Amino acid sequence: MAVFPDKNPPALIGYYLGVVSLIPVVGLPFSVAAIICGFMGLSRARSAPSVAGKGHAITAIIMGSIWPIGILVFLVFYLLTKAGR
């Protein structure tokens, strides 16, 4: 089993984009790209079992999802507290 998915560039790129997406304020565009690359890498890893990178792809999807989910949670709480006034 390869640690470095050299035959699955979308998974590896998505992984790095997911790490960059955790930077506050500028992370949102990177998180969208990380999610897209993560799903592309996951699809490639599932279609060809000899291609490594499933873990990198899943990590990219999870890390890329942190900002959008955080923004949605913030907006829901903001709207609920504003509606309660």
PDB file of N, CA and C in Angstrom:
ATOM      1  N   MET A   1       0.844  -1.176   0.000  1.00  0.00           N
ATOM      2  CA  MET A   1       0.000   0.000   0.000  1.00  0.00           C
ATOM      3  C   MET A   1       0.893   1.243   0.000  1.00  0.00           C
ATOM      4  N   ALA A   2       0.627   2.132  -0.926  1.00  0.00           N
ATOM      5  CA  ALA A   2       1.438   3.337  -1.066  1.00  0.00           C
ATOM      6  C   ALA A   2       0.956   4.419  -0.106  1.00  0.00           C
ATOM      7  N   VAL A   3       1.904   5.102   0.481  1.00  0.00           N
ATOM      8  CA  VAL A   3       1.569   6.205   1.374  1.00  0.00           C
ATOM      9  C   VAL A   3       1.328   7.473   0.560  1.00  0.00           C
ATOM     10  N   PHE A   4       2.054   7.609  -0.524  1.00  0.00           N
ATOM     11  CA  PHE A   4       1.973   8.780  -1.389  1.00  0.00           C
ATOM     12  C   PHE A   4       1.223   8.386  -2.662  1.00  0.00           C
ATOM     13  N   PRO A   5       0.004   8.889  -2.869  1.00  0.00           N
ATOM     14  CA  PRO A   5      -0.794   8.449  -4.016  1.00  0.00           C
ATOM     15  C   PRO A   5      -0.339   9.097  -5.327  1.00  0.00           C
ATOM     16  N   ASP A   6       0.768   8.596  -5.877  1.00  0.00           N
ATOM     17  CA  ASP A   6       1.314   9.212  -7.086  1.00  0.00           C
ATOM     18  C   ASP A   6       0.475   8.925  -8.330  1.00  0.00           C
ATOM     19  N   LYS A   7      -0.384   7.925  -8.289  1.00  0.00           N
ATOM     20  CA  LYS A   7      -1.239   7.625  -9.440  1.00  0.00           C
ATOM     21  C   LYS A   7      -2.627   8.248  -9.300  1.00  0.00           C
ATOM     22  N   ASN A   8      -2.817   9.032  -8.257  1.00  0.00           N
ATOM     23  CA  ASN A   8      -4.107   9.677  -8.018  1.00  0.00           C
ATOM     24  C   ASN A   8      -3.885  11.154  -7.666  1.00  0.00           C
ATOM     25  N   PRO A   9      -3.504  11.961  -8.662  1.00  0.00           N
ATOM     26  CA  PRO A   9      -3.237  13.379  -8.379  1.00  0.00           C
ATOM     27  C   PRO A   9      -4.417  14.152  -7.790  1.00  0.00           C
ATOM     28  N   PRO A  10      -5.671  13.901  -8.207  1.00  0.00           N
ATOM     29  CA  PRO A  10      -6.759  14.669  -7.586  1.00  0.00           C
ATOM     30  C   PRO A  10      -6.856  14.465  -6.074  1.00  0.00           C
ATOM     31  N   ALA A  11      -6.590  13.253  -5.617  1.00  0.00           N
ATOM     32  CA  ALA A  11      -6.646  12.993  -4.175  1.00  0.00           C
ATOM     33  C   ALA A  11      -5.552  13.762  -3.448  1.00  0.00           C
ATOM     34  N   LEU A  12      -4.365  13.764  -4.007  1.00  0.00           N
ATOM     35  CA  LEU A  12      -3.247  14.456  -3.372  1.00  0.00           C
ATOM     36  C   LEU A  12      -3.433  15.974  -3.411  1.00  0.00           C
ATOM     37  N   ILE A  13      -3.865  16.490  -4.542  1.00  0.00           N
ATOM     38  CA  ILE A  13      -4.110  17.934  -4.660  1.00  0.00           C
ATOM     39  C   ILE A  13      -5.245  18.348  -3.725  1.00  0.00           C
ATOM     40  N   GLY A  14      -6.295  17.543  -3.677  1.00  0.00           N
ATOM     41  CA  GLY A  14      -7.406  17.834  -2.770  1.00  0.00           C
ATOM     42  C   GLY A  14      -6.968  17.838  -1.320  1.00  0.00           C
ATOM     43  N   TYR A  15      -6.067  16.921  -0.977  1.00  0.00           N
ATOM     44  CA  TYR A  15      -5.538  16.865   0.389  1.00  0.00           C
ATOM     45  C   TYR A  15      -4.822  18.166   0.739  1.00  0.00           C
ATOM     46  N   TYR A  16      -3.944  18.614  -0.148  1.00  0.00           N
ATOM     47  CA  TYR A  16      -3.216  19.861   0.114  1.00  0.00           C
ATOM     48  C   TYR A  16      -4.151  21.069   0.121  1.00  0.00           C
ATOM     49  N   LEU A  17      -5.120  21.078  -0.776  1.00  0.00           N
ATOM     50  CA  LEU A  17      -6.095  22.171  -0.772  1.00  0.00           C
ATOM     51  C   LEU A  17      -6.926  22.162   0.509  1.00  0.00           C
ATOM     52  N   GLY A  18      -7.212  20.978   1.016  1.00  0.00           N
ATOM     53  CA  GLY A  18      -7.941  20.872   2.278  1.00  0.00           C
ATOM     54  C   GLY A  18      -7.158  21.455   3.436  1.00  0.00           C
ATOM     55  N   VAL A  19      -5.860  21.238   3.436  1.00  0.00           N
ATOM     56  CA  VAL A  19      -5.020  21.821   4.484  1.00  0.00           C
ATOM     57  C   VAL A  19      -5.023  23.341   4.371  1.00  0.00           C
ATOM     58  N   VAL A  20      -4.884  23.848   3.152  1.00  0.00           N
ATOM     59  CA  VAL A  20      -4.874  25.300   2.939  1.00  0.00           C
ATOM     60  C   VAL A  20      -6.242  25.902   3.256  1.00  0.00           C
ATOM     61  N   SER A  21      -7.299  25.128   3.047  1.00  0.00           N
ATOM     62  CA  SER A  21      -8.644  25.657   3.289  1.00  0.00           C
ATOM     63  C   SER A  21      -8.910  25.935   4.761  1.00  0.00           C
ATOM     64  N   LEU A  22      -8.082  25.427   5.639  1.00  0.00           N
ATOM     65  CA  LEU A  22      -8.271  25.670   7.068  1.00  0.00           C
ATOM     66  C   LEU A  22      -7.766  27.042   7.504  1.00  0.00           C
ATOM     67  N   ILE A  23      -7.133  27.779   6.603  1.00  0.00           N
ATOM     68  CA  ILE A  23      -6.666  29.128   6.919  1.00  0.00           C
ATOM     69  C   ILE A  23      -7.886  30.044   7.017  1.00  0.00           C
ATOM     70  N   PRO A  24      -8.034  30.746   8.126  1.00  0.00           N
ATOM     71  CA  PRO A  24      -9.196  31.624   8.276  1.00  0.00           C
ATOM     72  C   PRO A  24      -9.248  32.704   7.192  1.00  0.00           C
ATOM     73  N   VAL A  25     -10.412  33.106   6.855  1.00  0.00           N
ATOM     74  CA  VAL A  25     -10.769  34.176   5.926  1.00  0.00           C
ATOM     75  C   VAL A  25     -10.555  33.782   4.461  1.00  0.00           C
ATOM     76  N   VAL A  26      -9.415  33.237   4.102  1.00  0.00           N
ATOM     77  CA  VAL A  26      -9.139  32.928   2.700  1.00  0.00           C
ATOM     78  C   VAL A  26      -9.420  31.474   2.349  1.00  0.00           C
ATOM     79  N   GLY A  27      -9.884  30.690   3.286  1.00  0.00           N
ATOM     80  CA  GLY A  27     -10.013  29.258   3.074  1.00  0.00           C
ATOM     81  C   GLY A  27     -11.198  28.797   2.255  1.00  0.00           C
ATOM     82  N   LEU A  28     -12.231  29.618   2.135  1.00  0.00           N
ATOM     83  CA  LEU A  28     -13.456  29.157   1.477  1.00  0.00           C
ATOM     84  C   LEU A  28     -13.261  28.729   0.023  1.00  0.00           C
ATOM     85  N   PRO A  29     -12.582  29.503  -0.826  1.00  0.00           N
ATOM     86  CA  PRO A  29     -12.395  29.027  -2.208  1.00  0.00           C
ATOM     87  C   PRO A  29     -11.578  27.732  -2.278  1.00  0.00           C
ATOM     88  N   PHE A  30     -10.610  27.610  -1.389  1.00  0.00           N
ATOM     89  CA  PHE A  30      -9.801  26.395  -1.373  1.00  0.00           C
ATOM     90  C   PHE A  30     -10.619  25.198  -0.898  1.00  0.00           C
ATOM     91  N   SER A  31     -11.574  25.451  -0.012  1.00  0.00           N
ATOM     92  CA  SER A  31     -12.388  24.339   0.481  1.00  0.00           C
ATOM     93  C   SER A  31     -13.281  23.781  -0.625  1.00  0.00           C
ATOM     94  N   VAL A  32     -13.806  24.649  -1.471  1.00  0.00           N
ATOM     95  CA  VAL A  32     -14.628  24.175  -2.593  1.00  0.00           C
ATOM     96  C   VAL A  32     -13.777  23.323  -3.534  1.00  0.00           C
ATOM     97  N   ALA A  33     -12.581  23.803  -3.832  1.00  0.00           N
ATOM     98  CA  ALA A  33     -11.682  23.042  -4.705  1.00  0.00           C
ATOM     99  C   ALA A  33     -11.265  21.724  -4.050  1.00  0.00           C
ATOM    100  N   ALA A  34     -11.058  21.733  -2.738  1.00  0.00           N
ATOM    101  CA  ALA A  34     -10.671  20.511  -2.033  1.00  0.00           C
ATOM    102  C   ALA A  34     -11.778  19.471  -2.089  1.00  0.00           C
ATOM    103  N   ILE A  35     -13.013  19.910  -1.935  1.00  0.00           N
ATOM    104  CA  ILE A  35     -14.141  18.980  -1.989  1.00  0.00           C
ATOM    105  C   ILE A  35     -14.260  18.372  -3.387  1.00  0.00           C
ATOM    106  N   ILE A  36     -14.142  19.207  -4.406  1.00  0.00           N
ATOM    107  CA  ILE A  36     -14.241  18.709  -5.786  1.00  0.00           C
ATOM    108  C   ILE A  36     -13.115  17.719  -6.084  1.00  0.00           C
ATOM    109  N   CYS A  37     -11.887  18.105  -5.760  1.00  0.00           N
ATOM    110  CA  CYS A  37     -10.752  17.202  -6.001  1.00  0.00           C
ATOM    111  C   CYS A  37     -10.865  15.938  -5.156  1.00  0.00           C
ATOM    112  N   GLY A  38     -11.371  16.072  -3.948  1.00  0.00           N
ATOM    113  CA  GLY A  38     -11.542  14.905  -3.087  1.00  0.00           C
ATOM    114  C   GLY A  38     -12.505  13.893  -3.681  1.00  0.00           C
ATOM    115  N   PHE A  39     -13.620  14.373  -4.207  1.00  0.00           N
ATOM    116  CA  PHE A  39     -14.570  13.451  -4.830  1.00  0.00           C
ATOM    117  C   PHE A  39     -14.011  12.847  -6.114  1.00  0.00           C
ATOM    118  N   MET A  40     -13.253  13.636  -6.866  1.00  0.00           N
ATOM    119  CA  MET A  40     -12.617  13.091  -8.067  1.00  0.00           C
ATOM    120  C   MET A  40     -11.605  12.004  -7.696  1.00  0.00           C
ATOM    121  N   GLY A  41     -10.808  12.262  -6.674  1.00  0.00           N
ATOM    122  CA  GLY A  41      -9.828  11.280  -6.225  1.00  0.00           C
ATOM    123  C   GLY A  41     -10.474  10.036  -5.650  1.00  0.00           C
ATOM    124  N   LEU A  42     -11.564  10.214  -4.929  1.00  0.00           N
ATOM    125  CA  LEU A  42     -12.283   9.068  -4.368  1.00  0.00           C
ATOM    126  C   LEU A  42     -12.883   8.213  -5.477  1.00  0.00           C
ATOM    127  N   SER A  43     -13.411   8.864  -6.486  1.00  0.00           N
ATOM    128  CA  SER A  43     -13.961   8.132  -7.628  1.00  0.00           C
ATOM    129  C   SER A  43     -12.871   7.340  -8.340  1.00  0.00           C
ATOM    130  N   ARG A  44     -11.718   7.963  -8.507  1.00  0.00           N
ATOM    131  CA  ARG A  44     -10.609   7.273  -9.173  1.00  0.00           C
ATOM    132  C   ARG A  44     -10.103   6.101  -8.335  1.00  0.00           C
ATOM    133  N   ALA A  45     -10.047   6.276  -7.025  1.00  0.00           N
ATOM    134  CA  ALA A  45      -9.568   5.203  -6.147  1.00  0.00           C
ATOM    135  C   ALA A  45     -10.555   4.041  -6.102  1.00  0.00           C
ATOM    136  N   ARG A  46     -11.838   4.337  -6.191  1.00  0.00           N
ATOM    137  CA  ARG A  46     -12.840   3.266  -6.171  1.00  0.00           C
ATOM    138  C   ARG A  46     -12.915   2.526  -7.499  1.00  0.00           C
ATOM    139  N   SER A  47     -12.693   3.237  -8.598  1.00  0.00           N
ATOM    140  CA  SER A  47     -12.814   2.591  -9.908  1.00  0.00           C
ATOM    141  C   SER A  47     -11.635   1.674 -10.209  1.00  0.00           C
ATOM    142  N   ALA A  48     -10.480   1.992  -9.672  1.00  0.00           N
ATOM    143  CA  ALA A  48      -9.293   1.157  -9.883  1.00  0.00           C
ATOM    144  C   ALA A  48      -8.669   0.854  -8.525  1.00  0.00           C
ATOM    145  N   PRO A  49      -8.900  -0.330  -7.985  1.00  0.00           N
ATOM    146  CA  PRO A  49      -8.389  -0.655  -6.648  1.00  0.00           C
ATOM    147  C   PRO A  49      -6.867  -0.572  -6.519  1.00  0.00           C
ATOM    148  N   SER A  50      -6.159  -0.662  -7.634  1.00  0.00           N
ATOM    149  CA  SER A  50      -4.698  -0.578  -7.556  1.00  0.00           C
ATOM    150  C   SER A  50      -4.206   0.854  -7.358  1.00  0.00           C
ATOM    151  N   VAL A  51      -5.094   1.823  -7.555  1.00  0.00           N
ATOM    152  CA  VAL A  51      -4.730   3.233  -7.385  1.00  0.00           C
ATOM    153  C   VAL A  51      -4.932   3.619  -5.924  1.00  0.00           C
ATOM    154  N   ALA A  52      -3.883   4.111  -5.313  1.00  0.00           N
ATOM    155  CA  ALA A  52      -3.958   4.530  -3.910  1.00  0.00           C
ATOM    156  C   ALA A  52      -4.564   5.924  -3.815  1.00  0.00           C
ATOM    157  N   GLY A  53      -4.824   6.361  -2.610  1.00  0.00           N
ATOM    158  CA  GLY A  53      -5.269   7.725  -2.397  1.00  0.00           C
ATOM    159  C   GLY A  53      -6.662   7.866  -1.832  1.00  0.00           C
ATOM    160  N   LYS A  54      -7.284   6.759  -1.464  1.00  0.00           N
ATOM    161  CA  LYS A  54      -8.634   6.849  -0.912  1.00  0.00           C
ATOM    162  C   LYS A  54      -8.638   7.641   0.393  1.00  0.00           C
ATOM    163  N   GLY A  55      -7.647   7.423   1.226  1.00  0.00           N
ATOM    164  CA  GLY A  55      -7.555   8.154   2.489  1.00  0.00           C
ATOM    165  C   GLY A  55      -7.309   9.636   2.285  1.00  0.00           C
ATOM    166  N   HIS A  56      -6.450   9.967   1.322  1.00  0.00           N
ATOM    167  CA  HIS A  56      -6.196  11.375   1.019  1.00  0.00           C
ATOM    168  C   HIS A  56      -7.473  12.041   0.498  1.00  0.00           C
ATOM    169  N   ALA A  57      -8.212  11.333  -0.337  1.00  0.00           N
ATOM    170  CA  ALA A  57      -9.437  11.898  -0.903  1.00  0.00           C
ATOM    171  C   ALA A  57     -10.487  12.137   0.181  1.00  0.00           C
ATOM    172  N   ILE A  58     -10.649  11.178   1.070  1.00  0.00           N
ATOM    173  CA  ILE A  58     -11.621  11.339   2.160  1.00  0.00           C
ATOM    174  C   ILE A  58     -11.206  12.483   3.081  1.00  0.00           C
ATOM    175  N   THR A  59      -9.919  12.576   3.360  1.00  0.00           N
ATOM    176  CA  THR A  59      -9.422  13.672   4.191  1.00  0.00           C
ATOM    177  C   THR A  59      -9.661  15.014   3.521  1.00  0.00           C
ATOM    178  N   ALA A  60      -9.474  15.081   2.207  1.00  0.00           N
ATOM    179  CA  ALA A  60      -9.723  16.320   1.466  1.00  0.00           C
ATOM    180  C   ALA A  60     -11.185  16.731   1.570  1.00  0.00           C
ATOM    181  N   ILE A  61     -12.081  15.768   1.460  1.00  0.00           N
ATOM    182  CA  ILE A  61     -13.513  16.070   1.551  1.00  0.00           C
ATOM    183  C   ILE A  61     -13.866  16.568   2.954  1.00  0.00           C
ATOM    184  N   ILE A  62     -13.326  15.921   3.961  1.00  0.00           N
ATOM    185  CA  ILE A  62     -13.635  16.320   5.340  1.00  0.00           C
ATOM    186  C   ILE A  62     -13.063  17.702   5.655  1.00  0.00           C
ATOM    187  N   MET A  63     -11.784  17.908   5.332  1.00  0.00           N
ATOM    188  CA  MET A  63     -11.180  19.208   5.638  1.00  0.00           C
ATOM    189  C   MET A  63     -11.796  20.319   4.800  1.00  0.00           C
ATOM    190  N   GLY A  64     -12.142  20.014   3.567  1.00  0.00           N
ATOM    191  CA  GLY A  64     -12.777  21.012   2.720  1.00  0.00           C
ATOM    192  C   GLY A  64     -14.184  21.361   3.168  1.00  0.00           C
ATOM    193  N   SER A  65     -14.824  20.467   3.887  1.00  0.00           N
ATOM    194  CA  SER A  65     -16.199  20.704   4.342  1.00  0.00           C
ATOM    195  C   SER A  65     -16.270  21.513   5.627  1.00  0.00           C
ATOM    196  N   ILE A  66     -15.172  21.685   6.302  1.00  0.00           N
ATOM    197  CA  ILE A  66     -15.197  22.374   7.596  1.00  0.00           C
ATOM    198  C   ILE A  66     -15.663  23.822   7.453  1.00  0.00           C
ATOM    199  N   TRP A  67     -15.110  24.573   6.509  1.00  0.00           N
ATOM    200  CA  TRP A  67     -15.498  25.981   6.355  1.00  0.00           C
ATOM    201  C   TRP A  67     -16.952  26.141   5.932  1.00  0.00           C
ATOM    202  N   PRO A  68     -17.406  25.468   4.880  1.00  0.00           N
ATOM    203  CA  PRO A  68     -18.815  25.662   4.495  1.00  0.00           C
ATOM    204  C   PRO A  68     -19.795  25.274   5.599  1.00  0.00           C
ATOM    205  N   ILE A  69     -19.522  24.190   6.300  1.00  0.00           N
ATOM    206  CA  ILE A  69     -20.413  23.784   7.390  1.00  0.00           C
ATOM    207  C   ILE A  69     -20.354  24.807   8.519  1.00  0.00           C
ATOM    208  N   GLY A  70     -19.165  25.294   8.823  1.00  0.00           N
ATOM    209  CA  GLY A  70     -19.027  26.311   9.862  1.00  0.00           C
ATOM    210  C   GLY A  70     -19.772  27.588   9.521  1.00  0.00           C
ATOM    211  N   ILE A  71     -19.712  27.991   8.274  1.00  0.00           N
ATOM    212  CA  ILE A  71     -20.424  29.200   7.853  1.00  0.00           C
ATOM    213  C   ILE A  71     -21.933  28.990   7.953  1.00  0.00           C
ATOM    214  N   LEU A  72     -22.404  27.823   7.538  1.00  0.00           N
ATOM    215  CA  LEU A  72     -23.839  27.542   7.640  1.00  0.00           C
ATOM    216  C   LEU A  72     -24.310  27.528   9.090  1.00  0.00           C
ATOM    217  N   VAL A  73     -23.536  26.920   9.966  1.00  0.00           N
ATOM    218  CA  VAL A  73     -23.899  26.887  11.383  1.00  0.00           C
ATOM    219  C   VAL A  73     -23.935  28.306  11.946  1.00  0.00           C
ATOM    220  N   PHE A  74     -22.941  29.101  11.599  1.00  0.00           N
ATOM    221  CA  PHE A  74     -22.913  30.488  12.059  1.00  0.00           C
ATOM    222  C   PHE A  74     -24.134  31.255  11.564  1.00  0.00           C
ATOM    223  N   LEU A  75     -24.470  31.099  10.288  1.00  0.00           N
ATOM    224  CA  LEU A  75     -25.620  31.815   9.744  1.00  0.00           C
ATOM    225  C   LEU A  75     -26.930  31.386  10.396  1.00  0.00           C
ATOM    226  N   VAL A  76     -27.078  30.099  10.646  1.00  0.00           N
ATOM    227  CA  VAL A  76     -28.297  29.613  11.296  1.00  0.00           C
ATOM    228  C   VAL A  76     -28.415  30.200  12.698  1.00  0.00           C
ATOM    229  N   PHE A  77     -27.332  30.157  13.476  1.00  0.00           N
ATOM    230  CA  PHE A  77     -27.378  30.728  14.820  1.00  0.00           C
ATOM    231  C   PHE A  77     -27.620  32.232  14.780  1.00  0.00           C
ATOM    232  N   TYR A  78     -27.011  32.899  13.828  1.00  0.00           N
ATOM    233  CA  TYR A  78     -27.199  34.342  13.703  1.00  0.00           C
ATOM    234  C   TYR A  78     -28.654  34.671  13.375  1.00  0.00           C
ATOM    235  N   LEU A  79     -29.210  33.940  12.422  1.00  0.00           N
ATOM    236  CA  LEU A  79     -30.594  34.204  12.037  1.00  0.00           C
ATOM    237  C   LEU A  79     -31.571  33.833  13.145  1.00  0.00           C
ATOM    238  N   LEU A  80     -31.278  32.767  13.875  1.00  0.00           N
ATOM    239  CA  LEU A  80     -32.165  32.381  14.977  1.00  0.00           C
ATOM    240  C   LEU A  80     -32.124  33.397  16.112  1.00  0.00           C
ATOM    241  N   THR A  81     -30.952  33.908  16.415  1.00  0.00           N
ATOM    242  CA  THR A  81     -30.869  34.897  17.491  1.00  0.00           C
ATOM    243  C   THR A  81     -31.461  36.232  17.060  1.00  0.00           C
ATOM    244  N   LYS A  82     -31.326  36.557  15.795  1.00  0.00           N
ATOM    245  CA  LYS A  82     -31.903  37.808  15.303  1.00  0.00           C
ATOM    246  C   LYS A  82     -33.431  37.707  15.241  1.00  0.00           C
ATOM    247  N   ALA A  83     -33.949  36.527  14.916  1.00  0.00           N
ATOM    248  CA  ALA A  83     -35.399  36.336  14.839  1.00  0.00           C
ATOM    249  C   ALA A  83     -36.028  36.320  16.228  1.00  0.00           C
ATOM    250  N   GLY A  84     -35.257  35.956  17.236  1.00  0.00           N
ATOM    251  CA  GLY A  84     -35.780  35.884  18.597  1.00  0.00           C
ATOM    252  C   GLY A  84     -35.899  37.236  19.274  1.00  0.00           C
ATOM    253  N   ARG A  85     -35.429  38.280  18.670  1.00  0.00           N
ATOM    254  CA  ARG A  85     -35.475  39.617  19.297  1.00  0.00           C
ATOM    255  C   ARG A  85     -36.804  40.263  19.156  1.00  0.00           C
TER     256      ARG A  85
END
